[in-house]
Amino acid sequence: HAVELPRLQKAVQKTLETLNLSCVYLFDGLDEGWIPSIE
């Protein structure tokens, strides 16, 4: 609710589609600070 998620997603989706763009996220180093906990 605070970030207006449905409206945010719709705005991004329609805009990327109109501009013929896509967004690629690459994540590395996700073991930084990692411990085998539930969190």
Full PDB file with SEQRES, HELIX, SHEET, SSBOND, CRYST1, ORIGX, SCALE, CONECT and MASTER records, all heavy atoms in Angstrom:
SEQRES   1 A   39  HIS ALA VAL GLU LEU PRO ARG LEU GLN LYS ALA VAL GLN          
SEQRES   2 A   39  LYS THR LEU GLU THR LEU ASN LEU SER CYS VAL TYR LEU          
SEQRES   3 A   39  PHE ASP GLY LEU ASP GLU GLY TRP ILE PRO SER ILE GLU          
HELIX    1 AA1 LEU A    5  THR A   18  1                                  14    
CRYST1    1.000    1.000    1.000  90.00  90.00  90.00 P 1           1          
ORIGX1      1.000000  0.000000  0.000000        0.00000                         
ORIGX2      0.000000  1.000000  0.000000        0.00000                         
ORIGX3      0.000000  0.000000  1.000000        0.00000                         
SCALE1      1.000000  0.000000  0.000000        0.00000                         
SCALE2      0.000000  1.000000  0.000000        0.00000                         
SCALE3      0.000000  0.000000  1.000000        0.00000                         
ATOM      1  N   HIS A   1       0.829  -1.203   0.000  1.00  0.00           N  
ATOM      2  CA  HIS A   1       0.000   0.000   0.000  1.00  0.00           C  
ATOM      3  C   HIS A   1       0.865   1.256   0.000  1.00  0.00           C  
ATOM      4  O   HIS A   1       0.588   2.229  -0.730  1.00  0.00           O  
ATOM      5  CB  HIS A   1      -0.915  -0.005   1.226  1.00  0.00           C  
ATOM      6  CG  HIS A   1      -1.738   1.251   1.373  1.00  0.00           C  
ATOM      7  ND1 HIS A   1      -2.834   1.531   0.578  1.00  0.00           N  
ATOM      8  CD2 HIS A   1      -1.599   2.312   2.230  1.00  0.00           C  
ATOM      9  CE1 HIS A   1      -3.342   2.697   0.924  1.00  0.00           C  
ATOM     10  NE2 HIS A   1      -2.618   3.194   1.922  1.00  0.00           N  
ATOM     11  N   ALA A   2       1.912   1.258   0.807  1.00  0.00           N  
ATOM     12  CA  ALA A   2       2.755   2.448   0.944  1.00  0.00           C  
ATOM     13  C   ALA A   2       3.471   2.800  -0.361  1.00  0.00           C  
ATOM     14  O   ALA A   2       3.612   3.984  -0.700  1.00  0.00           O  
ATOM     15  CB  ALA A   2       3.776   2.231   2.050  1.00  0.00           C  
ATOM     16  N   VAL A   3       3.904   1.789  -1.113  1.00  0.00           N  
ATOM     17  CA  VAL A   3       4.633   2.064  -2.365  1.00  0.00           C  
ATOM     18  C   VAL A   3       3.710   2.041  -3.572  1.00  0.00           C  
ATOM     19  O   VAL A   3       4.174   2.190  -4.698  1.00  0.00           O  
ATOM     20  CB  VAL A   3       5.783   1.051  -2.566  1.00  0.00           C  
ATOM     21  CG1 VAL A   3       6.774   1.119  -1.425  1.00  0.00           C  
ATOM     22  CG2 VAL A   3       5.255  -0.370  -2.754  1.00  0.00           C  
ATOM     23  N   GLU A   4       2.401   1.850  -3.336  1.00  0.00           N  
ATOM     24  CA  GLU A   4       1.410   1.796  -4.432  1.00  0.00           C  
ATOM     25  C   GLU A   4       1.828   0.753  -5.475  1.00  0.00           C  
ATOM     26  O   GLU A   4       1.917   1.043  -6.667  1.00  0.00           O  
ATOM     27  CB  GLU A   4       1.277   3.162  -5.092  1.00  0.00           C  
ATOM     28  CG  GLU A   4       0.876   4.281  -4.143  1.00  0.00           C  
ATOM     29  CD  GLU A   4       0.850   5.635  -4.825  1.00  0.00           C  
ATOM     30  OE1 GLU A   4      -0.221   6.002  -5.362  1.00  0.00           O  
ATOM     31  OE2 GLU A   4       1.901   6.291  -4.840  1.00  0.00           O  
ATOM     32  N   LEU A   5       2.037  -0.468  -5.010  1.00  0.00           N  
ATOM     33  CA  LEU A   5       2.647  -1.496  -5.849  1.00  0.00           C  
ATOM     34  C   LEU A   5       1.879  -1.800  -7.133  1.00  0.00           C  
ATOM     35  O   LEU A   5       2.493  -1.859  -8.214  1.00  0.00           O  
ATOM     36  CB  LEU A   5       2.850  -2.779  -5.025  1.00  0.00           C  
ATOM     37  CG  LEU A   5       3.702  -3.863  -5.670  1.00  0.00           C  
ATOM     38  CD1 LEU A   5       5.072  -3.323  -6.075  1.00  0.00           C  
ATOM     39  CD2 LEU A   5       3.865  -5.042  -4.727  1.00  0.00           C  
ATOM     40  N   PRO A   6       0.569  -2.001  -7.111  1.00  0.00           N  
ATOM     41  CA  PRO A   6      -0.132  -2.294  -8.370  1.00  0.00           C  
ATOM     42  C   PRO A   6       0.030  -1.180  -9.403  1.00  0.00           C  
ATOM     43  O   PRO A   6       0.277  -1.442 -10.588  1.00  0.00           O  
ATOM     44  CB  PRO A   6      -1.592  -2.466  -7.937  1.00  0.00           C  
ATOM     45  CG  PRO A   6      -1.522  -2.858  -6.498  1.00  0.00           C  
ATOM     46  CD  PRO A   6      -0.349  -2.099  -5.948  1.00  0.00           C  
ATOM     47  N   ARG A   7      -0.115   0.076  -8.963  1.00  0.00           N  
ATOM     48  CA  ARG A   7       0.022   1.204  -9.885  1.00  0.00           C  
ATOM     49  C   ARG A   7       1.452   1.315 -10.393  1.00  0.00           C  
ATOM     50  O   ARG A   7       1.698   1.609 -11.571  1.00  0.00           O  
ATOM     51  CB  ARG A   7      -0.401   2.503  -9.191  1.00  0.00           C  
ATOM     52  CG  ARG A   7      -0.433   3.706 -10.136  1.00  0.00           C  
ATOM     53  CD  ARG A   7      -1.198   4.852  -9.495  1.00  0.00           C  
ATOM     54  NE  ARG A   7      -0.438   5.487  -8.435  1.00  0.00           N  
ATOM     55  CZ  ARG A   7       0.425   6.490  -8.651  1.00  0.00           C  
ATOM     56  NH1 ARG A   7       0.639   6.919  -9.884  1.00  0.00           N  
ATOM     57  NH2 ARG A   7       1.052   7.056  -7.653  1.00  0.00           N  
ATOM     58  N   LEU A   8       2.407   1.067  -9.498  1.00  0.00           N  
ATOM     59  CA  LEU A   8       3.823   1.112  -9.864  1.00  0.00           C  
ATOM     60  C   LEU A   8       4.142   0.080 -10.934  1.00  0.00           C  
ATOM     61  O   LEU A   8       4.796   0.382 -11.941  1.00  0.00           O  
ATOM     62  CB  LEU A   8       4.678   0.877  -8.616  1.00  0.00           C  
ATOM     63  CG  LEU A   8       6.180   0.745  -8.808  1.00  0.00           C  
ATOM     64  CD1 LEU A   8       6.776   2.026  -9.381  1.00  0.00           C  
ATOM     65  CD2 LEU A   8       6.845   0.391  -7.471  1.00  0.00           C  
ATOM     66  N   GLN A   9       3.654  -1.139 -10.747  1.00  0.00           N  
ATOM     67  CA  GLN A   9       3.934  -2.195 -11.716  1.00  0.00           C  
ATOM     68  C   GLN A   9       3.290  -1.897 -13.064  1.00  0.00           C  
ATOM     69  O   GLN A   9       3.900  -2.109 -14.114  1.00  0.00           O  
ATOM     70  CB  GLN A   9       3.460  -3.547 -11.198  1.00  0.00           C  
ATOM     71  CG  GLN A   9       3.780  -4.700 -12.155  1.00  0.00           C  
ATOM     72  CD  GLN A   9       3.554  -6.058 -11.528  1.00  0.00           C  
ATOM     73  OE1 GLN A   9       3.507  -6.190 -10.306  1.00  0.00           O  
ATOM     74  NE2 GLN A   9       3.440  -7.076 -12.351  1.00  0.00           N  
ATOM     75  N   LYS A  10       2.068  -1.406 -13.047  1.00  0.00           N  
ATOM     76  CA  LYS A  10       1.385  -1.080 -14.298  1.00  0.00           C  
ATOM     77  C   LYS A  10       2.129   0.018 -15.058  1.00  0.00           C  
ATOM     78  O   LYS A  10       2.304  -0.048 -16.283  1.00  0.00           O  
ATOM     79  CB  LYS A  10      -0.044  -0.637 -14.004  1.00  0.00           C  
ATOM     80  CG  LYS A  10      -0.833  -0.267 -15.260  1.00  0.00           C  
ATOM     81  CD  LYS A  10      -2.218   0.266 -14.911  1.00  0.00           C  
ATOM     82  CE  LYS A  10      -2.970   0.708 -16.169  1.00  0.00           C  
ATOM     83  NZ  LYS A  10      -4.289   1.312 -15.856  1.00  0.00           N  
ATOM     84  N   ALA A  11       2.595   1.019 -14.338  1.00  0.00           N  
ATOM     85  CA  ALA A  11       3.312   2.128 -14.975  1.00  0.00           C  
ATOM     86  C   ALA A  11       4.596   1.632 -15.634  1.00  0.00           C  
ATOM     87  O   ALA A  11       4.919   2.019 -16.764  1.00  0.00           O  
ATOM     88  CB  ALA A  11       3.623   3.208 -13.945  1.00  0.00           C  
ATOM     89  N   VAL A  12       5.321   0.780 -14.941  1.00  0.00           N  
ATOM     90  CA  VAL A  12       6.569   0.244 -15.490  1.00  0.00           C  
ATOM     91  C   VAL A  12       6.287  -0.644 -16.690  1.00  0.00           C  
ATOM     92  O   VAL A  12       6.933  -0.523 -17.744  1.00  0.00           O  
ATOM     93  CB  VAL A  12       7.341  -0.534 -14.403  1.00  0.00           C  
ATOM     94  CG1 VAL A  12       8.477  -1.335 -15.023  1.00  0.00           C  
ATOM     95  CG2 VAL A  12       7.868   0.427 -13.344  1.00  0.00           C  
ATOM     96  N   GLN A  13       5.333  -1.552 -16.548  1.00  0.00           N  
ATOM     97  CA  GLN A  13       5.040  -2.513 -17.617  1.00  0.00           C  
ATOM     98  C   GLN A  13       4.614  -1.798 -18.901  1.00  0.00           C  
ATOM     99  O   GLN A  13       5.141  -2.082 -19.991  1.00  0.00           O  
ATOM    100  CB  GLN A  13       3.941  -3.467 -17.163  1.00  0.00           C  
ATOM    101  CG  GLN A  13       3.582  -4.524 -18.193  1.00  0.00           C  
ATOM    102  CD  GLN A  13       2.593  -5.549 -17.633  1.00  0.00           C  
ATOM    103  OE1 GLN A  13       2.146  -5.438 -16.504  1.00  0.00           O  
ATOM    104  NE2 GLN A  13       2.272  -6.535 -18.427  1.00  0.00           N  
ATOM    105  N   LYS A  14       3.672  -0.884 -18.804  1.00  0.00           N  
ATOM    106  CA  LYS A  14       3.166  -0.191 -19.987  1.00  0.00           C  
ATOM    107  C   LYS A  14       4.231   0.694 -20.629  1.00  0.00           C  
ATOM    108  O   LYS A  14       4.318   0.803 -21.860  1.00  0.00           O  
ATOM    109  CB  LYS A  14       1.942   0.643 -19.619  1.00  0.00           C  
ATOM    110  CG  LYS A  14       0.722  -0.167 -19.220  1.00  0.00           C  
ATOM    111  CD  LYS A  14       0.210  -1.000 -20.399  1.00  0.00           C  
ATOM    112  CE  LYS A  14      -1.061  -1.745 -20.036  1.00  0.00           C  
ATOM    113  NZ  LYS A  14      -1.553  -2.595 -21.155  1.00  0.00           N  
ATOM    114  N   THR A  15       5.057   1.311 -19.799  1.00  0.00           N  
ATOM    115  CA  THR A  15       6.086   2.201 -20.329  1.00  0.00           C  
ATOM    116  C   THR A  15       7.186   1.425 -21.043  1.00  0.00           C  
ATOM    117  O   THR A  15       7.613   1.800 -22.140  1.00  0.00           O  
ATOM    118  CB  THR A  15       6.683   3.060 -19.205  1.00  0.00           C  
ATOM    119  OG1 THR A  15       5.635   3.813 -18.588  1.00  0.00           O  
ATOM    120  CG2 THR A  15       7.742   4.006 -19.749  1.00  0.00           C  
ATOM    121  N   LEU A  16       7.649   0.334 -20.443  1.00  0.00           N  
ATOM    122  CA  LEU A  16       8.665  -0.489 -21.108  1.00  0.00           C  
ATOM    123  C   LEU A  16       8.127  -1.027 -22.434  1.00  0.00           C  
ATOM    124  O   LEU A  16       8.853  -1.066 -23.439  1.00  0.00           O  
ATOM    125  CB  LEU A  16       9.087  -1.642 -20.197  1.00  0.00           C  
ATOM    126  CG  LEU A  16       9.922  -1.287 -18.959  1.00  0.00           C  
ATOM    127  CD1 LEU A  16      10.197  -2.541 -18.142  1.00  0.00           C  
ATOM    128  CD2 LEU A  16      11.230  -0.606 -19.340  1.00  0.00           C  
ATOM    129  N   GLU A  17       6.873  -1.425 -22.424  1.00  0.00           N  
ATOM    130  CA  GLU A  17       6.253  -1.949 -23.641  1.00  0.00           C  
ATOM    131  C   GLU A  17       6.181  -0.879 -24.731  1.00  0.00           C  
ATOM    132  O   GLU A  17       6.515  -1.127 -25.897  1.00  0.00           O  
ATOM    133  CB  GLU A  17       4.850  -2.468 -23.304  1.00  0.00           C  
ATOM    134  CG  GLU A  17       4.117  -3.092 -24.465  1.00  0.00           C  
ATOM    135  CD  GLU A  17       2.730  -3.577 -24.052  1.00  0.00           C  
ATOM    136  OE1 GLU A  17       2.618  -4.222 -22.988  1.00  0.00           O  
ATOM    137  OE2 GLU A  17       1.765  -3.294 -24.791  1.00  0.00           O  
ATOM    138  N   THR A  18       5.761   0.317 -24.373  1.00  0.00           N  
ATOM    139  CA  THR A  18       5.649   1.412 -25.342  1.00  0.00           C  
ATOM    140  C   THR A  18       7.013   1.806 -25.906  1.00  0.00           C  
ATOM    141  O   THR A  18       7.145   2.083 -27.103  1.00  0.00           O  
ATOM    142  CB  THR A  18       5.001   2.645 -24.681  1.00  0.00           C  
ATOM    143  OG1 THR A  18       3.706   2.288 -24.196  1.00  0.00           O  
ATOM    144  CG2 THR A  18       4.879   3.791 -25.672  1.00  0.00           C  
ATOM    145  N   LEU A  19       8.028   1.813 -25.051  1.00  0.00           N  
ATOM    146  CA  LEU A  19       9.364   2.242 -25.470  1.00  0.00           C  
ATOM    147  C   LEU A  19      10.173   1.114 -26.100  1.00  0.00           C  
ATOM    148  O   LEU A  19      11.320   1.325 -26.489  1.00  0.00           O  
ATOM    149  CB  LEU A  19      10.130   2.806 -24.267  1.00  0.00           C  
ATOM    150  CG  LEU A  19       9.492   4.001 -23.551  1.00  0.00           C  
ATOM    151  CD1 LEU A  19      10.352   4.442 -22.375  1.00  0.00           C  
ATOM    152  CD2 LEU A  19       9.281   5.153 -24.517  1.00  0.00           C  
ATOM    153  N   ASN A  20       9.561  -0.086 -26.190  1.00  0.00           N  
ATOM    154  CA  ASN A  20      10.254  -1.254 -26.744  1.00  0.00           C  
ATOM    155  C   ASN A  20      11.541  -1.537 -25.985  1.00  0.00           C  
ATOM    156  O   ASN A  20      12.604  -1.764 -26.574  1.00  0.00           O  
ATOM    157  CB  ASN A  20      10.548  -1.063 -28.233  1.00  0.00           C  
ATOM    158  CG  ASN A  20      10.999  -2.353 -28.913  1.00  0.00           C  
ATOM    159  OD1 ASN A  20      10.652  -3.454 -28.476  1.00  0.00           O  
ATOM    160  ND2 ASN A  20      11.802  -2.225 -29.958  1.00  0.00           N  
ATOM    161  N   LEU A  21      11.418  -1.522 -24.680  1.00  0.00           N  
ATOM    162  CA  LEU A  21      12.567  -1.752 -23.810  1.00  0.00           C  
ATOM    163  C   LEU A  21      12.287  -2.931 -22.874  1.00  0.00           C  
ATOM    164  O   LEU A  21      11.136  -3.286 -22.629  1.00  0.00           O  
ATOM    165  CB  LEU A  21      12.853  -0.515 -22.957  1.00  0.00           C  
ATOM    166  CG  LEU A  21      13.330   0.752 -23.673  1.00  0.00           C  
ATOM    167  CD1 LEU A  21      13.352   1.911 -22.692  1.00  0.00           C  
ATOM    168  CD2 LEU A  21      14.701   0.545 -24.285  1.00  0.00           C  
ATOM    169  N   SER A  22      13.354  -3.506 -22.363  1.00  0.00           N  
ATOM    170  CA  SER A  22      13.254  -4.465 -21.267  1.00  0.00           C  
ATOM    171  C   SER A  22      14.310  -4.088 -20.239  1.00  0.00           C  
ATOM    172  O   SER A  22      15.239  -3.335 -20.538  1.00  0.00           O  
ATOM    173  CB  SER A  22      13.463  -5.904 -21.757  1.00  0.00           C  
ATOM    174  OG  SER A  22      14.745  -6.048 -22.333  1.00  0.00           O  
ATOM    175  N   CYS A  23      14.146  -4.601 -19.060  1.00  0.00           N  
ATOM    176  CA  CYS A  23      15.105  -4.319 -17.985  1.00  0.00           C  
ATOM    177  C   CYS A  23      15.710  -5.631 -17.506  1.00  0.00           C  
ATOM    178  O   CYS A  23      14.979  -6.581 -17.199  1.00  0.00           O  
ATOM    179  CB  CYS A  23      14.413  -3.588 -16.837  1.00  0.00           C  
ATOM    180  SG  CYS A  23      15.561  -3.095 -15.525  1.00  0.00           S  
ATOM    181  N   VAL A  24      17.020  -5.685 -17.456  1.00  0.00           N  
ATOM    182  CA  VAL A  24      17.736  -6.886 -17.021  1.00  0.00           C  
ATOM    183  C   VAL A  24      18.480  -6.585 -15.730  1.00  0.00           C  
ATOM    184  O   VAL A  24      19.250  -5.621 -15.659  1.00  0.00           O  
ATOM    185  CB  VAL A  24      18.728  -7.369 -18.103  1.00  0.00           C  
ATOM    186  CG1 VAL A  24      19.559  -8.542 -17.583  1.00  0.00           C  
ATOM    187  CG2 VAL A  24      17.986  -7.764 -19.379  1.00  0.00           C  
ATOM    188  N   TYR A  25      18.215  -7.411 -14.713  1.00  0.00           N  
ATOM    189  CA  TYR A  25      18.941  -7.337 -13.451  1.00  0.00           C  
ATOM    190  C   TYR A  25      19.865  -8.552 -13.336  1.00  0.00           C  
ATOM    191  O   TYR A  25      19.416  -9.691 -13.496  1.00  0.00           O  
ATOM    192  CB  TYR A  25      17.979  -7.354 -12.261  1.00  0.00           C  
ATOM    193  CG  TYR A  25      17.263  -6.062 -11.990  1.00  0.00           C  
ATOM    194  CD1 TYR A  25      15.993  -5.823 -12.489  1.00  0.00           C  
ATOM    195  CD2 TYR A  25      17.862  -5.076 -11.208  1.00  0.00           C  
ATOM    196  CE1 TYR A  25      15.324  -4.636 -12.227  1.00  0.00           C  
ATOM    197  CE2 TYR A  25      17.202  -3.885 -10.936  1.00  0.00           C  
ATOM    198  CZ  TYR A  25      15.936  -3.673 -11.450  1.00  0.00           C  
ATOM    199  OH  TYR A  25      15.285  -2.494 -11.184  1.00  0.00           O  
ATOM    200  N   LEU A  26      21.131  -8.306 -13.052  1.00  0.00           N  
ATOM    201  CA  LEU A  26      22.084  -9.382 -12.789  1.00  0.00           C  
ATOM    202  C   LEU A  26      22.576  -9.236 -11.355  1.00  0.00           C  
ATOM    203  O   LEU A  26      23.101  -8.179 -10.973  1.00  0.00           O  
ATOM    204  CB  LEU A  26      23.274  -9.308 -13.759  1.00  0.00           C  
ATOM    205  CG  LEU A  26      22.948  -9.341 -15.255  1.00  0.00           C  
ATOM    206  CD1 LEU A  26      24.234  -9.245 -16.070  1.00  0.00           C  
ATOM    207  CD2 LEU A  26      22.183 -10.598 -15.626  1.00  0.00           C  
ATOM    208  N   PHE A  27      22.383 -10.286 -10.557  1.00  0.00           N  
ATOM    209  CA  PHE A  27      22.785 -10.276  -9.145  1.00  0.00           C  
ATOM    210  C   PHE A  27      23.961 -11.219  -8.936  1.00  0.00           C  
ATOM    211  O   PHE A  27      23.891 -12.402  -9.288  1.00  0.00           O  
ATOM    212  CB  PHE A  27      21.632 -10.742  -8.249  1.00  0.00           C  
ATOM    213  CG  PHE A  27      20.520  -9.755  -8.084  1.00  0.00           C  
ATOM    214  CD1 PHE A  27      19.484  -9.685  -9.015  1.00  0.00           C  
ATOM    215  CD2 PHE A  27      20.477  -8.903  -6.994  1.00  0.00           C  
ATOM    216  CE1 PHE A  27      18.444  -8.782  -8.871  1.00  0.00           C  
ATOM    217  CE2 PHE A  27      19.434  -7.994  -6.833  1.00  0.00           C  
ATOM    218  CZ  PHE A  27      18.415  -7.932  -7.770  1.00  0.00           C  
ATOM    219  N   ASP A  28      25.029 -10.706  -8.367  1.00  0.00           N  
ATOM    220  CA  ASP A  28      26.164 -11.538  -7.993  1.00  0.00           C  
ATOM    221  C   ASP A  28      26.565 -11.193  -6.563  1.00  0.00           C  
ATOM    222  O   ASP A  28      26.160 -10.156  -6.026  1.00  0.00           O  
ATOM    223  CB  ASP A  28      27.345 -11.301  -8.943  1.00  0.00           C  
ATOM    224  CG  ASP A  28      28.463 -12.318  -8.768  1.00  0.00           C  
ATOM    225  OD1 ASP A  28      28.149 -13.486  -8.435  1.00  0.00           O  
ATOM    226  OD2 ASP A  28      29.639 -11.959  -8.951  1.00  0.00           O  
ATOM    227  N   GLY A  29      27.337 -12.067  -5.935  1.00  0.00           N  
ATOM    228  CA  GLY A  29      27.806 -11.805  -4.579  1.00  0.00           C  
ATOM    229  C   GLY A  29      26.719 -11.888  -3.544  1.00  0.00           C  
ATOM    230  O   GLY A  29      26.796 -11.247  -2.485  1.00  0.00           O  
ATOM    231  N   LEU A  30      25.683 -12.679  -3.816  1.00  0.00           N  
ATOM    232  CA  LEU A  30      24.584 -12.796  -2.852  1.00  0.00           C  
ATOM    233  C   LEU A  30      24.965 -13.605  -1.618  1.00  0.00           C  
ATOM    234  O   LEU A  30      24.154 -13.771  -0.712  1.00  0.00           O  
ATOM    235  CB  LEU A  30      23.358 -13.420  -3.533  1.00  0.00           C  
ATOM    236  CG  LEU A  30      22.667 -12.529  -4.572  1.00  0.00           C  
ATOM    237  CD1 LEU A  30      21.594 -13.304  -5.331  1.00  0.00           C  
ATOM    238  CD2 LEU A  30      22.069 -11.294  -3.925  1.00  0.00           C  
ATOM    239  N   ASP A  31      26.188 -14.112  -1.593  1.00  0.00           N  
ATOM    240  CA  ASP A  31      26.672 -14.800  -0.394  1.00  0.00           C  
ATOM    241  C   ASP A  31      27.301 -13.832   0.602  1.00  0.00           C  
ATOM    242  O   ASP A  31      27.737 -14.249   1.679  1.00  0.00           O  
ATOM    243  CB  ASP A  31      27.691 -15.881  -0.777  1.00  0.00           C  
ATOM    244  CG  ASP A  31      28.840 -15.325  -1.609  1.00  0.00           C  
ATOM    245  OD1 ASP A  31      28.636 -14.300  -2.278  1.00  0.00           O  
ATOM    246  OD2 ASP A  31      29.924 -15.927  -1.604  1.00  0.00           O  
ATOM    247  N   GLU A  32      27.353 -12.535   0.253  1.00  0.00           N  
ATOM    248  CA  GLU A  32      27.882 -11.543   1.200  1.00  0.00           C  
ATOM    249  C   GLU A  32      26.991 -11.492   2.440  1.00  0.00           C  
ATOM    250  O   GLU A  32      25.790 -11.273   2.348  1.00  0.00           O  
ATOM    251  CB  GLU A  32      27.949 -10.157   0.545  1.00  0.00           C  
ATOM    252  CG  GLU A  32      28.975 -10.026  -0.557  1.00  0.00           C  
ATOM    253  CD  GLU A  32      30.392 -10.135  -0.049  1.00  0.00           C  
ATOM    254  OE1 GLU A  32      30.614  -9.933   1.171  1.00  0.00           O  
ATOM    255  OE2 GLU A  32      31.291 -10.431  -0.849  1.00  0.00           O  
ATOM    256  N   GLY A  33      27.610 -11.692   3.591  1.00  0.00           N  
ATOM    257  CA  GLY A  33      26.867 -11.664   4.843  1.00  0.00           C  
ATOM    258  C   GLY A  33      25.969 -12.865   5.067  1.00  0.00           C  
ATOM    259  O   GLY A  33      25.149 -12.873   5.981  1.00  0.00           O  
ATOM    260  N   TRP A  34      26.130 -13.886   4.235  1.00  0.00           N  
ATOM    261  CA  TRP A  34      25.245 -15.053   4.311  1.00  0.00           C  
ATOM    262  C   TRP A  34      25.566 -15.935   5.516  1.00  0.00           C  
ATOM    263  O   TRP A  34      26.724 -16.234   5.807  1.00  0.00           O  
ATOM    264  CB  TRP A  34      25.377 -15.885   3.043  1.00  0.00           C  
ATOM    265  CG  TRP A  34      24.721 -17.237   3.144  1.00  0.00           C  
ATOM    266  CD1 TRP A  34      25.298 -18.411   3.542  1.00  0.00           C  
ATOM    267  CD2 TRP A  34      23.354 -17.555   2.859  1.00  0.00           C  
ATOM    268  NE1 TRP A  34      24.380 -19.431   3.509  1.00  0.00           N  
ATOM    269  CE2 TRP A  34      23.182 -18.944   3.110  1.00  0.00           C  
ATOM    270  CE3 TRP A  34      22.268 -16.807   2.416  1.00  0.00           C  
ATOM    271  CZ2 TRP A  34      21.960 -19.575   2.908  1.00  0.00           C  
ATOM    272  CZ3 TRP A  34      21.059 -17.449   2.229  1.00  0.00           C  
ATOM    273  CH2 TRP A  34      20.919 -18.811   2.474  1.00  0.00           C  
ATOM    274  N   ILE A  35      24.530 -16.342   6.222  1.00  0.00           N  
ATOM    275  CA  ILE A  35      24.626 -17.410   7.215  1.00  0.00           C  
ATOM    276  C   ILE A  35      23.416 -18.310   7.001  1.00  0.00           C  
ATOM    277  O   ILE A  35      22.378 -17.861   6.518  1.00  0.00           O  
ATOM    278  CB  ILE A  35      24.650 -16.871   8.668  1.00  0.00           C  
ATOM    279  CG1 ILE A  35      23.375 -16.068   8.965  1.00  0.00           C  
ATOM    280  CG2 ILE A  35      25.886 -16.061   8.945  1.00  0.00           C  
ATOM    281  CD1 ILE A  35      23.245 -15.669  10.415  1.00  0.00           C  
ATOM    282  N   PRO A  36      23.532 -19.596   7.331  1.00  0.00           N  
ATOM    283  CA  PRO A  36      22.410 -20.521   7.075  1.00  0.00           C  
ATOM    284  C   PRO A  36      21.285 -20.351   8.089  1.00  0.00           C  
ATOM    285  O   PRO A  36      21.072 -21.191   8.958  1.00  0.00           O  
ATOM    286  CB  PRO A  36      23.071 -21.895   7.186  1.00  0.00           C  
ATOM    287  CG  PRO A  36      24.216 -21.692   8.113  1.00  0.00           C  
ATOM    288  CD  PRO A  36      24.727 -20.291   7.842  1.00  0.00           C  
ATOM    289  N   SER A  37      20.547 -19.250   7.972  1.00  0.00           N  
ATOM    290  CA  SER A  37      19.437 -18.980   8.889  1.00  0.00           C  
ATOM    291  C   SER A  37      18.142 -18.849   8.091  1.00  0.00           C  
ATOM    292  O   SER A  37      18.159 -18.658   6.876  1.00  0.00           O  
ATOM    293  CB  SER A  37      19.694 -17.679   9.661  1.00  0.00           C  
ATOM    294  OG  SER A  37      19.659 -16.570   8.781  1.00  0.00           O  
ATOM    295  N   ILE A  38      17.021 -18.938   8.797  1.00  0.00           N  
ATOM    296  CA  ILE A  38      15.718 -18.781   8.158  1.00  0.00           C  
ATOM    297  C   ILE A  38      15.619 -17.432   7.464  1.00  0.00           C  
ATOM    298  O   ILE A  38      15.104 -17.311   6.347  1.00  0.00           O  
ATOM    299  CB  ILE A  38      14.592 -18.931   9.203  1.00  0.00           C  
ATOM    300  CG1 ILE A  38      14.467 -20.396   9.645  1.00  0.00           C  
ATOM    301  CG2 ILE A  38      13.265 -18.435   8.640  1.00  0.00           C  
ATOM    302  CD1 ILE A  38      14.017 -21.330   8.540  1.00  0.00           C  
ATOM    303  N   GLU A  39      16.139 -16.385   8.133  1.00  0.00           N  
ATOM    304  CA  GLU A  39      16.031 -15.039   7.570  1.00  0.00           C  
ATOM    305  C   GLU A  39      16.840 -14.908   6.280  1.00  0.00           C  
ATOM    306  O   GLU A  39      16.379 -14.302   5.305  1.00  0.00           O  
ATOM    307  CB  GLU A  39      16.499 -14.002   8.599  1.00  0.00           C  
ATOM    308  CG  GLU A  39      15.603 -13.866   9.806  1.00  0.00           C  
ATOM    309  CD  GLU A  39      15.789 -14.995  10.829  1.00  0.00           C  
ATOM    310  OE1 GLU A  39      16.840 -15.682  10.766  1.00  0.00           O  
ATOM    311  OE2 GLU A  39      14.885 -15.190  11.657  1.00  0.00           O  
TER     312      GLU A  39                                                      
MASTER        0    0    0    1    0    0    0    6  311    1    0    3          
END                                                                             
